N, C-alpha and C. Protein backbone atom coordinates (compact mmCIF):
# COMPACT_ATOMS: atom_id res chain seq x y z
N MET A 1 165.64 94.20 137.41
CA MET A 1 164.49 94.48 136.55
C MET A 1 163.97 93.20 135.89
N VAL A 2 164.91 92.42 135.32
CA VAL A 2 164.54 91.17 134.66
C VAL A 2 163.90 90.21 135.65
N LYS A 3 164.48 90.15 136.85
CA LYS A 3 163.94 89.26 137.87
C LYS A 3 162.52 89.67 138.26
N ALA A 4 162.30 90.98 138.36
CA ALA A 4 160.97 91.48 138.74
C ALA A 4 159.94 91.14 137.66
N LEU A 5 160.32 91.32 136.38
CA LEU A 5 159.41 91.00 135.28
C LEU A 5 159.11 89.51 135.24
N THR A 6 160.12 88.70 135.53
CA THR A 6 159.92 87.25 135.53
C THR A 6 158.94 86.85 136.62
N CYS A 7 159.07 87.45 137.77
CA CYS A 7 158.16 87.15 138.89
C CYS A 7 156.73 87.54 138.55
N ARG A 8 156.58 88.71 137.91
CA ARG A 8 155.24 89.16 137.52
C ARG A 8 154.62 88.22 136.48
N PHE A 9 155.44 87.74 135.54
CA PHE A 9 154.94 86.84 134.50
C PHE A 9 154.48 85.53 135.11
N VAL A 10 155.28 85.00 136.05
CA VAL A 10 154.93 83.74 136.71
C VAL A 10 153.64 83.90 137.51
N ALA A 11 153.54 85.04 138.21
CA ALA A 11 152.34 85.28 139.02
C ALA A 11 151.11 85.41 138.13
N GLY A 12 151.27 86.12 136.99
CA GLY A 12 150.14 86.29 136.07
C GLY A 12 149.72 84.97 135.47
N THR A 13 150.70 84.12 135.12
CA THR A 13 150.39 82.81 134.55
C THR A 13 149.64 81.94 135.55
N ALA A 14 150.07 82.01 136.80
CA ALA A 14 149.40 81.22 137.84
C ALA A 14 147.98 81.70 138.05
N LEU A 15 147.78 83.02 138.04
CA LEU A 15 146.45 83.59 138.23
C LEU A 15 145.53 83.21 137.08
N LEU A 16 146.06 83.23 135.85
CA LEU A 16 145.28 82.84 134.68
C LEU A 16 144.87 81.38 134.78
N GLY A 17 145.79 80.55 135.29
CA GLY A 17 145.48 79.14 135.45
C GLY A 17 144.35 78.91 136.43
N ILE A 18 144.27 79.77 137.46
CA ILE A 18 143.20 79.62 138.46
C ILE A 18 141.84 79.83 137.82
N PHE A 19 141.74 80.84 136.89
CA PHE A 19 140.46 81.14 136.25
C PHE A 19 140.13 80.17 135.14
N VAL A 20 141.13 79.69 134.42
CA VAL A 20 140.89 78.84 133.26
C VAL A 20 140.63 77.41 133.68
N ALA A 21 141.29 76.93 134.73
CA ALA A 21 141.18 75.53 135.13
C ALA A 21 139.74 75.07 135.35
N PRO A 22 138.89 75.87 136.05
CA PRO A 22 137.51 75.39 136.25
C PRO A 22 136.73 75.26 134.97
N LEU A 23 137.15 75.96 133.91
CA LEU A 23 136.40 75.91 132.66
C LEU A 23 136.67 74.65 131.87
N VAL A 24 137.78 74.01 132.05
CA VAL A 24 138.15 72.84 131.28
C VAL A 24 137.22 71.66 131.54
N PRO A 25 136.94 71.30 132.81
CA PRO A 25 136.00 70.20 133.04
C PRO A 25 134.62 70.51 132.50
N ALA A 26 134.16 71.78 132.60
CA ALA A 26 132.83 72.14 132.11
C ALA A 26 132.74 71.91 130.62
N ALA A 27 133.79 72.30 129.87
CA ALA A 27 133.77 72.10 128.42
C ALA A 27 133.82 70.63 128.08
N ALA A 28 134.61 69.87 128.87
CA ALA A 28 134.74 68.45 128.59
C ALA A 28 133.45 67.70 128.88
N SER A 29 132.62 68.20 129.84
CA SER A 29 131.40 67.52 130.24
C SER A 29 130.18 67.96 129.45
N ALA A 30 130.37 68.77 128.42
CA ALA A 30 129.24 69.21 127.60
C ALA A 30 128.57 68.01 126.95
N ALA A 31 127.23 68.00 126.97
CA ALA A 31 126.49 66.87 126.43
C ALA A 31 126.70 66.76 124.93
N PRO A 32 126.96 65.55 124.42
CA PRO A 32 127.14 65.37 122.98
C PRO A 32 125.84 65.61 122.23
N ALA A 33 125.95 66.07 121.01
CA ALA A 33 124.77 66.38 120.20
C ALA A 33 124.14 65.10 119.66
N PRO A 34 122.80 65.07 119.55
CA PRO A 34 122.13 63.89 118.98
C PRO A 34 122.57 63.67 117.53
N THR A 35 122.59 62.41 117.14
CA THR A 35 123.00 62.06 115.77
C THR A 35 121.90 61.38 114.98
N ALA A 36 120.85 60.91 115.66
CA ALA A 36 119.76 60.24 114.96
C ALA A 36 118.54 60.16 115.85
N VAL A 37 117.39 59.90 115.23
CA VAL A 37 116.15 59.66 115.97
C VAL A 37 115.45 58.46 115.34
N THR A 38 114.72 57.72 116.15
CA THR A 38 113.91 56.62 115.64
C THR A 38 112.45 56.87 116.00
N ILE A 39 111.56 56.38 115.15
CA ILE A 39 110.11 56.53 115.37
C ILE A 39 109.49 55.15 115.26
N SER A 40 108.75 54.76 116.27
CA SER A 40 108.04 53.47 116.26
C SER A 40 106.62 53.70 116.76
N GLY A 41 105.72 52.78 116.34
CA GLY A 41 104.35 52.94 116.81
C GLY A 41 103.34 52.33 115.88
N ASN A 42 102.14 52.87 115.89
CA ASN A 42 101.00 52.33 115.18
C ASN A 42 101.26 52.18 113.67
N GLN A 43 100.97 50.98 113.15
CA GLN A 43 101.08 50.65 111.73
C GLN A 43 102.52 50.74 111.20
N LEU A 44 103.49 50.71 112.07
CA LEU A 44 104.89 50.69 111.64
C LEU A 44 105.46 49.31 111.96
N ALA A 45 105.79 48.55 110.92
CA ALA A 45 106.30 47.20 111.13
C ALA A 45 107.64 47.23 111.85
N GLU A 46 108.45 48.24 111.57
CA GLU A 46 109.74 48.39 112.23
C GLU A 46 110.02 49.88 112.41
N PRO A 47 110.86 50.23 113.36
CA PRO A 47 111.12 51.66 113.62
C PRO A 47 111.72 52.36 112.41
N LEU A 48 111.34 53.61 112.23
CA LEU A 48 111.95 54.47 111.21
C LEU A 48 113.16 55.15 111.82
N THR A 49 114.23 55.24 111.08
CA THR A 49 115.45 55.87 111.57
C THR A 49 115.81 57.05 110.67
N ILE A 50 115.97 58.22 111.27
CA ILE A 50 116.38 59.42 110.54
C ILE A 50 117.70 59.89 111.12
N GLU A 51 118.72 59.92 110.29
CA GLU A 51 120.05 60.30 110.74
C GLU A 51 120.37 61.74 110.37
N GLU A 52 121.07 62.42 111.26
CA GLU A 52 121.43 63.81 111.03
C GLU A 52 122.37 63.95 109.84
N GLU A 53 123.22 62.99 109.64
CA GLU A 53 124.21 63.07 108.57
C GLU A 53 123.58 62.89 107.19
N SER A 54 122.62 61.97 107.07
CA SER A 54 122.05 61.67 105.77
C SER A 54 120.85 62.55 105.42
N ASP A 55 120.10 62.99 106.41
CA ASP A 55 118.92 63.83 106.15
C ASP A 55 118.80 64.88 107.25
N PRO A 56 119.66 65.91 107.22
CA PRO A 56 119.70 66.88 108.33
C PRO A 56 118.41 67.66 108.52
N GLU A 57 117.71 68.01 107.44
CA GLU A 57 116.49 68.82 107.57
C GLU A 57 115.38 68.03 108.24
N LEU A 58 115.14 66.80 107.78
CA LEU A 58 114.10 65.97 108.39
C LEU A 58 114.48 65.61 109.82
N PHE A 59 115.75 65.32 110.06
CA PHE A 59 116.22 65.01 111.41
C PHE A 59 115.95 66.18 112.35
N ALA A 60 116.27 67.40 111.91
CA ALA A 60 116.04 68.59 112.74
C ALA A 60 114.56 68.81 112.99
N ALA A 61 113.72 68.53 111.98
CA ALA A 61 112.28 68.73 112.14
C ALA A 61 111.70 67.77 113.17
N VAL A 62 112.12 66.50 113.13
CA VAL A 62 111.63 65.53 114.11
C VAL A 62 112.17 65.84 115.50
N LEU A 63 113.45 66.16 115.57
CA LEU A 63 114.06 66.49 116.87
C LEU A 63 113.38 67.70 117.50
N LYS A 64 112.96 68.63 116.67
CA LYS A 64 112.30 69.85 117.15
C LYS A 64 110.99 69.54 117.86
N GLN A 65 110.39 68.39 117.56
CA GLN A 65 109.13 68.02 118.20
C GLN A 65 109.32 67.62 119.66
N VAL A 66 110.56 67.26 120.05
CA VAL A 66 110.76 66.74 121.40
C VAL A 66 111.86 67.44 122.20
N ASP A 67 112.74 68.20 121.53
CA ASP A 67 113.90 68.73 122.25
C ASP A 67 113.56 69.84 123.23
N TRP A 68 112.32 70.31 123.25
CA TRP A 68 111.92 71.38 124.16
C TRP A 68 111.07 70.86 125.33
N LEU A 69 110.85 69.56 125.40
CA LEU A 69 109.97 68.99 126.43
C LEU A 69 110.69 68.89 127.76
N ARG A 70 110.76 70.03 128.44
CA ARG A 70 111.43 70.10 129.74
C ARG A 70 110.48 70.66 130.79
N GLY A 71 110.89 70.62 132.03
CA GLY A 71 110.07 71.19 133.10
C GLY A 71 108.98 70.23 133.55
N SER A 72 107.96 70.80 134.17
CA SER A 72 106.89 70.00 134.77
C SER A 72 105.72 69.74 133.83
N GLY A 73 105.80 70.24 132.61
CA GLY A 73 104.72 69.99 131.64
C GLY A 73 103.72 71.12 131.57
N HIS A 74 102.81 71.03 130.60
CA HIS A 74 101.83 72.08 130.34
C HIS A 74 100.40 71.65 130.65
N ALA A 75 100.17 70.38 130.80
CA ALA A 75 98.79 69.93 130.97
C ALA A 75 98.76 68.63 131.76
N GLY A 76 97.58 68.33 132.31
CA GLY A 76 97.40 67.09 133.03
C GLY A 76 97.19 65.94 132.07
N PRO A 77 97.17 64.72 132.56
CA PRO A 77 96.99 63.55 131.70
C PRO A 77 95.60 63.53 131.07
N PRO A 78 95.52 63.44 129.75
CA PRO A 78 94.21 63.37 129.08
C PRO A 78 93.62 61.97 129.18
N LYS A 79 92.38 61.84 128.76
CA LYS A 79 91.75 60.52 128.75
C LYS A 79 92.38 59.67 127.66
N ALA A 80 92.56 58.40 127.94
CA ALA A 80 93.18 57.50 126.99
C ALA A 80 92.39 57.43 125.68
N SER A 81 91.07 57.55 125.80
CA SER A 81 90.22 57.47 124.61
C SER A 81 90.37 58.68 123.69
N GLU A 82 90.99 59.75 124.18
CA GLU A 82 91.13 60.98 123.39
C GLU A 82 92.52 61.13 122.78
N LEU A 83 93.40 60.17 123.02
CA LEU A 83 94.77 60.32 122.58
C LEU A 83 95.02 59.90 121.13
N GLY A 84 94.37 58.85 120.68
CA GLY A 84 94.62 58.37 119.34
C GLY A 84 95.91 57.56 119.28
N PRO A 85 96.44 57.30 118.09
CA PRO A 85 97.64 56.47 117.95
C PRO A 85 98.87 57.10 118.60
N LYS A 86 99.72 56.23 119.17
CA LYS A 86 100.94 56.68 119.84
C LYS A 86 102.16 56.35 118.99
N TYR A 87 103.11 57.32 118.96
CA TYR A 87 104.38 57.10 118.26
C TYR A 87 105.51 57.51 119.21
N THR A 88 106.43 56.59 119.39
CA THR A 88 107.54 56.81 120.31
C THR A 88 108.76 57.28 119.55
N VAL A 89 109.28 58.43 119.96
CA VAL A 89 110.49 58.99 119.35
C VAL A 89 111.64 58.81 120.33
N VAL A 90 112.70 58.16 119.87
CA VAL A 90 113.89 57.94 120.68
C VAL A 90 115.04 58.72 120.07
N VAL A 91 115.72 59.51 120.89
CA VAL A 91 116.86 60.31 120.45
C VAL A 91 118.14 59.52 120.73
N LEU A 92 118.99 59.42 119.71
CA LEU A 92 120.23 58.66 119.84
C LEU A 92 121.45 59.54 119.68
N VAL A 93 122.50 59.18 120.39
CA VAL A 93 123.81 59.80 120.25
C VAL A 93 124.80 58.70 119.93
N ASP A 94 125.30 58.70 118.72
CA ASP A 94 126.23 57.64 118.28
C ASP A 94 125.63 56.26 118.50
N ASP A 95 124.40 56.09 118.03
CA ASP A 95 123.67 54.81 118.08
C ASP A 95 123.24 54.41 119.49
N ALA A 96 123.49 55.22 120.48
CA ALA A 96 123.08 54.91 121.85
C ALA A 96 121.85 55.73 122.22
N PRO A 97 120.72 55.10 122.60
CA PRO A 97 119.52 55.85 122.98
C PRO A 97 119.76 56.66 124.25
N THR A 98 119.34 57.93 124.21
CA THR A 98 119.53 58.81 125.37
C THR A 98 118.21 59.38 125.90
N GLN A 99 117.23 59.59 125.02
CA GLN A 99 115.96 60.17 125.45
C GLN A 99 114.82 59.46 124.72
N THR A 100 113.65 59.42 125.35
CA THR A 100 112.48 58.82 124.72
C THR A 100 111.24 59.65 125.04
N TYR A 101 110.36 59.77 124.06
CA TYR A 101 109.13 60.56 124.22
C TYR A 101 108.00 59.87 123.45
N ASP A 102 106.78 60.02 123.94
CA ASP A 102 105.60 59.49 123.26
C ASP A 102 104.82 60.65 122.65
N LEU A 103 104.53 60.56 121.36
CA LEU A 103 103.80 61.61 120.66
C LEU A 103 102.44 61.10 120.22
N TYR A 104 101.43 61.97 120.35
CA TYR A 104 100.06 61.65 119.96
C TYR A 104 99.58 62.73 118.99
N PRO A 105 99.89 62.61 117.70
CA PRO A 105 99.59 63.67 116.74
C PRO A 105 98.11 63.87 116.46
N LEU A 106 97.28 62.84 116.70
CA LEU A 106 95.85 62.94 116.39
C LEU A 106 94.99 63.04 117.65
N ALA A 107 95.57 63.47 118.74
CA ALA A 107 94.81 63.59 120.00
C ALA A 107 93.70 64.61 119.87
N SER A 108 92.61 64.36 120.58
CA SER A 108 91.49 65.29 120.58
C SER A 108 91.91 66.62 121.21
N GLY A 109 91.64 67.72 120.52
CA GLY A 109 92.01 69.03 121.02
C GLY A 109 93.40 69.48 120.62
N GLY A 110 94.10 68.66 119.84
CA GLY A 110 95.44 69.04 119.39
C GLY A 110 96.48 68.03 119.81
N PRO A 111 97.63 68.02 119.14
CA PRO A 111 98.69 67.05 119.43
C PRO A 111 99.14 67.11 120.89
N ARG A 112 99.49 65.96 121.43
CA ARG A 112 100.00 65.87 122.79
C ARG A 112 101.35 65.14 122.78
N ALA A 113 102.16 65.41 123.80
CA ALA A 113 103.45 64.76 123.96
C ALA A 113 103.62 64.35 125.41
N PHE A 114 104.23 63.19 125.61
CA PHE A 114 104.45 62.68 126.97
C PHE A 114 105.92 62.35 127.15
N ARG A 115 106.49 62.80 128.27
CA ARG A 115 107.87 62.49 128.62
C ARG A 115 107.87 61.50 129.78
N PRO A 116 108.28 60.27 129.53
CA PRO A 116 108.33 59.28 130.62
C PRO A 116 109.40 59.64 131.66
N ALA A 117 109.16 59.24 132.89
CA ALA A 117 110.15 59.50 133.94
C ALA A 117 111.39 58.65 133.74
N LYS A 118 111.23 57.45 133.20
CA LYS A 118 112.35 56.55 132.96
C LYS A 118 112.95 56.84 131.59
N GLN A 119 114.18 57.34 131.58
CA GLN A 119 114.88 57.69 130.35
C GLN A 119 116.06 56.76 130.12
N PRO A 120 116.40 56.52 128.85
CA PRO A 120 117.50 55.58 128.54
C PRO A 120 118.85 55.99 129.13
N ASP A 121 119.09 57.29 129.25
CA ASP A 121 120.39 57.73 129.77
C ASP A 121 120.42 57.80 131.30
N LYS A 122 119.35 57.32 131.96
CA LYS A 122 119.27 57.24 133.42
C LYS A 122 119.23 58.62 134.10
N ARG A 123 118.99 59.68 133.33
CA ARG A 123 118.94 61.00 133.95
C ARG A 123 117.68 61.11 134.80
N LYS A 124 117.75 61.97 135.81
CA LYS A 124 116.62 62.15 136.72
C LYS A 124 115.62 63.14 136.12
N THR A 125 114.40 62.71 136.00
CA THR A 125 113.34 63.58 135.51
C THR A 125 112.01 63.05 136.02
N THR A 126 110.94 63.70 135.66
CA THR A 126 109.60 63.28 136.09
C THR A 126 108.72 63.10 134.86
N ALA A 127 107.70 62.29 135.01
CA ALA A 127 106.74 62.13 133.93
C ALA A 127 105.95 63.41 133.76
N ALA A 128 105.71 63.80 132.51
CA ALA A 128 105.00 65.06 132.26
C ALA A 128 104.31 65.03 130.91
N TRP A 129 103.16 65.70 130.85
CA TRP A 129 102.40 65.85 129.61
C TRP A 129 102.58 67.27 129.07
N PHE A 130 102.58 67.37 127.75
CA PHE A 130 102.73 68.66 127.09
C PHE A 130 101.76 68.75 125.91
N PHE A 131 101.36 69.98 125.59
CA PHE A 131 100.67 70.21 124.33
C PHE A 131 101.73 70.23 123.23
N GLY A 132 101.56 69.39 122.22
CA GLY A 132 102.56 69.29 121.16
C GLY A 132 102.45 70.38 120.12
N ARG A 133 103.42 70.44 119.24
CA ARG A 133 103.41 71.40 118.14
C ARG A 133 102.31 71.03 117.16
N VAL A 134 101.67 72.04 116.56
CA VAL A 134 100.55 71.77 115.68
C VAL A 134 100.97 71.09 114.39
N ASN A 135 102.23 71.14 114.03
CA ASN A 135 102.69 70.47 112.80
C ASN A 135 103.25 69.08 113.09
N MET A 136 102.92 68.53 114.25
CA MET A 136 103.46 67.22 114.63
C MET A 136 103.09 66.14 113.63
N SER A 137 101.81 66.08 113.24
CA SER A 137 101.38 65.02 112.33
C SER A 137 102.05 65.13 110.97
N GLU A 138 102.20 66.35 110.44
CA GLU A 138 102.84 66.53 109.14
C GLU A 138 104.32 66.19 109.20
N THR A 139 104.98 66.51 110.32
CA THR A 139 106.39 66.17 110.47
C THR A 139 106.59 64.67 110.51
N LEU A 140 105.74 63.98 111.29
CA LEU A 140 105.85 62.53 111.37
C LEU A 140 105.49 61.89 110.03
N ARG A 141 104.52 62.45 109.35
CA ARG A 141 104.14 61.91 108.04
C ARG A 141 105.29 62.05 107.04
N ALA A 142 106.00 63.18 107.11
CA ALA A 142 107.16 63.39 106.23
C ALA A 142 108.26 62.38 106.52
N ALA A 143 108.31 61.92 107.78
CA ALA A 143 109.32 60.94 108.16
C ALA A 143 108.95 59.53 107.75
N GLY A 144 107.68 59.31 107.31
CA GLY A 144 107.25 58.00 106.88
C GLY A 144 106.15 57.38 107.70
N VAL A 145 105.62 58.10 108.68
CA VAL A 145 104.54 57.58 109.50
C VAL A 145 103.22 57.67 108.71
N PRO A 146 102.43 56.60 108.66
CA PRO A 146 101.17 56.61 107.89
C PRO A 146 100.08 57.42 108.59
N LEU A 147 100.07 58.72 108.36
CA LEU A 147 99.09 59.62 108.96
C LEU A 147 98.36 60.38 107.85
N PRO A 148 97.12 60.78 108.08
CA PRO A 148 96.39 61.56 107.07
C PRO A 148 97.03 62.91 106.85
N GLN A 149 96.98 63.37 105.61
CA GLN A 149 97.61 64.64 105.26
C GLN A 149 96.81 65.81 105.83
N LYS A 150 97.54 66.82 106.30
CA LYS A 150 96.93 68.05 106.80
C LYS A 150 97.56 69.23 106.07
N PRO A 151 97.04 69.57 104.89
CA PRO A 151 97.66 70.65 104.10
C PRO A 151 97.51 72.03 104.71
N ASP A 152 96.66 72.17 105.76
CA ASP A 152 96.45 73.49 106.36
C ASP A 152 97.49 73.82 107.41
N VAL A 153 98.45 72.91 107.63
CA VAL A 153 99.50 73.16 108.62
C VAL A 153 100.73 73.71 107.93
N LEU A 154 101.22 74.87 108.41
CA LEU A 154 102.40 75.51 107.85
C LEU A 154 103.57 75.31 108.78
N HIS A 155 104.73 74.97 108.21
CA HIS A 155 105.94 74.80 109.01
C HIS A 155 106.56 76.16 109.27
N GLY A 156 107.30 76.25 110.37
CA GLY A 156 108.01 77.48 110.69
C GLY A 156 107.28 78.26 111.76
N GLY A 157 107.35 79.59 111.72
CA GLY A 157 106.71 80.43 112.71
C GLY A 157 107.68 80.91 113.76
N ILE A 158 107.22 81.77 114.65
CA ILE A 158 108.07 82.37 115.69
C ILE A 158 108.45 81.30 116.70
N GLY A 159 109.81 81.25 116.99
CA GLY A 159 110.23 80.30 118.00
C GLY A 159 109.96 78.86 117.64
N GLY A 160 109.92 78.59 116.31
CA GLY A 160 109.56 77.28 115.99
C GLY A 160 108.14 76.94 116.06
N GLY A 161 107.29 77.90 116.58
CA GLY A 161 105.91 77.67 116.63
C GLY A 161 105.28 77.69 115.29
N GLU A 162 104.11 77.04 115.10
CA GLU A 162 103.47 76.96 113.80
C GLU A 162 102.08 77.57 113.89
N ARG A 163 101.49 77.86 112.73
CA ARG A 163 100.15 78.44 112.72
C ARG A 163 99.27 77.68 111.74
N MET A 164 97.98 77.76 111.93
CA MET A 164 97.02 77.11 111.06
C MET A 164 96.48 78.11 110.06
N LEU A 165 96.35 77.70 108.80
CA LEU A 165 95.80 78.55 107.76
C LEU A 165 94.31 78.29 107.70
N PRO A 166 93.44 79.25 107.98
CA PRO A 166 92.01 79.02 108.00
C PRO A 166 91.48 78.68 106.62
N ASP A 167 90.34 77.98 106.59
CA ASP A 167 89.71 77.64 105.31
C ASP A 167 89.39 78.91 104.54
N GLY A 168 89.69 78.88 103.24
CA GLY A 168 89.44 80.05 102.41
C GLY A 168 90.43 81.15 102.62
N GLY A 169 91.56 80.84 103.29
CA GLY A 169 92.57 81.85 103.55
C GLY A 169 93.21 82.34 102.27
N LEU A 170 93.76 83.54 102.28
CA LEU A 170 94.38 84.13 101.10
C LEU A 170 95.88 83.98 101.17
N ALA A 171 96.49 83.93 100.00
CA ALA A 171 97.94 83.93 99.93
C ALA A 171 98.44 85.31 100.32
N PRO A 172 99.71 85.45 100.75
CA PRO A 172 100.22 86.76 101.17
C PRO A 172 100.05 87.84 100.12
N GLY A 173 100.29 87.51 98.84
CA GLY A 173 100.13 88.51 97.79
C GLY A 173 98.70 88.97 97.65
N GLU A 174 97.77 88.02 97.75
CA GLU A 174 96.35 88.37 97.66
C GLU A 174 95.93 89.22 98.85
N GLN A 175 96.49 88.94 100.02
CA GLN A 175 96.15 89.72 101.20
C GLN A 175 96.60 91.17 101.04
N VAL A 176 97.79 91.38 100.46
CA VAL A 176 98.28 92.74 100.24
C VAL A 176 97.39 93.47 99.25
N ASP A 177 97.02 92.79 98.15
CA ASP A 177 96.15 93.42 97.15
C ASP A 177 94.80 93.80 97.75
N GLN A 178 94.26 92.90 98.57
CA GLN A 178 92.96 93.19 99.19
C GLN A 178 93.09 94.36 100.17
N LEU A 179 94.21 94.40 100.91
CA LEU A 179 94.43 95.49 101.85
C LEU A 179 94.52 96.83 101.13
N LEU A 180 95.25 96.87 100.01
CA LEU A 180 95.37 98.11 99.24
C LEU A 180 94.02 98.52 98.65
N ASP A 181 93.26 97.53 98.18
CA ASP A 181 91.95 97.82 97.62
C ASP A 181 91.02 98.41 98.68
N ASP A 182 91.06 97.80 99.89
CA ASP A 182 90.23 98.33 100.98
C ASP A 182 90.67 99.75 101.37
N LEU A 183 92.00 99.98 101.31
CA LEU A 183 92.52 101.31 101.64
C LEU A 183 92.06 102.34 100.63
N ARG A 184 92.07 101.97 99.35
CA ARG A 184 91.59 102.89 98.31
C ARG A 184 90.13 103.23 98.52
N ARG A 185 89.33 102.21 98.81
CA ARG A 185 87.91 102.44 99.04
C ARG A 185 87.69 103.37 100.23
N LEU A 186 88.49 103.16 101.27
CA LEU A 186 88.35 104.01 102.46
C LEU A 186 88.70 105.46 102.14
N ILE A 187 89.78 105.66 101.35
CA ILE A 187 90.18 107.02 100.98
C ILE A 187 89.11 107.68 100.12
N LEU A 188 88.56 106.95 99.16
CA LEU A 188 87.50 107.49 98.30
C LEU A 188 86.25 107.82 99.13
N LEU A 189 85.93 106.94 100.07
CA LEU A 189 84.76 107.19 100.90
C LEU A 189 84.96 108.43 101.76
N ASN A 190 86.16 108.55 102.35
CA ASN A 190 86.45 109.74 103.16
C ASN A 190 86.41 111.00 102.30
N GLY A 191 86.94 110.90 101.07
CA GLY A 191 86.91 112.05 100.16
C GLY A 191 85.49 112.46 99.82
N ALA A 192 84.65 111.46 99.59
CA ALA A 192 83.25 111.76 99.26
C ALA A 192 82.54 112.42 100.43
N VAL A 193 82.83 111.94 101.63
CA VAL A 193 82.23 112.55 102.82
C VAL A 193 82.67 113.99 102.98
N VAL A 194 84.00 114.23 102.82
CA VAL A 194 84.51 115.59 102.95
C VAL A 194 83.89 116.50 101.89
N LEU A 195 83.78 116.00 100.66
CA LEU A 195 83.19 116.81 99.58
C LEU A 195 81.73 117.12 99.86
N THR A 196 81.01 116.13 100.36
CA THR A 196 79.60 116.36 100.69
C THR A 196 79.45 117.41 101.78
N ILE A 197 80.30 117.33 102.79
CA ILE A 197 80.25 118.32 103.88
C ILE A 197 80.60 119.70 103.35
N ALA A 198 81.61 119.77 102.49
CA ALA A 198 82.01 121.07 101.92
C ALA A 198 80.89 121.68 101.09
N VAL A 199 80.24 120.87 100.26
CA VAL A 199 79.12 121.38 99.45
C VAL A 199 77.98 121.83 100.34
N GLY A 200 77.72 121.05 101.38
CA GLY A 200 76.65 121.43 102.30
C GLY A 200 76.95 122.75 103.00
N LEU A 201 78.18 122.94 103.46
CA LEU A 201 78.57 124.18 104.14
C LEU A 201 78.49 125.37 103.17
N ALA A 202 78.92 125.12 101.92
CA ALA A 202 78.85 126.19 100.92
C ALA A 202 77.40 126.60 100.65
N GLY A 203 76.52 125.61 100.58
CA GLY A 203 75.09 125.90 100.36
C GLY A 203 74.49 126.67 101.51
N ILE A 204 74.84 126.26 102.73
CA ILE A 204 74.32 126.96 103.91
C ILE A 204 74.84 128.39 103.95
N SER A 205 76.16 128.54 103.63
CA SER A 205 76.74 129.89 103.63
C SER A 205 76.07 130.78 102.60
N LEU A 206 75.80 130.22 101.42
CA LEU A 206 75.12 131.01 100.37
C LEU A 206 73.71 131.37 100.79
N LEU A 207 73.01 130.44 101.43
CA LEU A 207 71.64 130.72 101.88
C LEU A 207 71.62 131.80 102.94
N ILE A 208 72.60 131.78 103.83
CA ILE A 208 72.66 132.79 104.90
C ILE A 208 72.95 134.16 104.30
N ARG A 209 73.82 134.26 103.32
CA ARG A 209 74.13 135.52 102.67
C ARG A 209 72.91 136.11 102.00
N ARG A 210 72.14 135.28 101.34
CA ARG A 210 70.94 135.78 100.64
C ARG A 210 69.91 136.33 101.63
N ARG A 211 69.80 135.68 102.77
CA ARG A 211 68.82 136.11 103.74
C ARG A 211 69.26 137.38 104.48
N THR A 212 70.58 137.59 104.57
CA THR A 212 71.06 138.79 105.31
C THR A 212 71.14 140.02 104.42
N ARG A 213 70.90 139.88 103.14
CA ARG A 213 70.94 141.06 102.26
C ARG A 213 69.69 141.91 102.42
């Protein structure tokens, strides 16, 4: 009995090793997380450096502008005259550059982003253009890039996406109050219509009774 149990244990251990062994290299080869980003470009005497350890929120905001730039891109190359100033964002892992991207926050028609085919980490990719996030200029400005302020840009949104607040837009509380006010007016208007119809039907009914007597 003991010998049989020992054999089963050895066989089970060997079988477990077969399934677990392939997972070890995969875990070991996982790409290290970025630790910093640098920004260089127009009117910047020297690159700006934002480190994840010292300023995690700003680091995440800048990284969010480029960490999704994958695939074949979203748009063709725009005219050079429509791009505006260029800012190059380099992603670093332990002070070693791994990725580079060119951002154009003031491009005509909205921010643009370009991924060069030649990357610092020698990975294989292709050159591609993308429509950038609408809060690109405000994010770069928060990092220290000399760009004009755009107070109509809101951070956040679904999937990291952002939205524009139209001129004369209302705050959420004001929107709720206006919605309730419009709802009250609609209810009063419907009530007035129903009352008018009821009075009219009553008058017609009374007139018919008088004529049938």
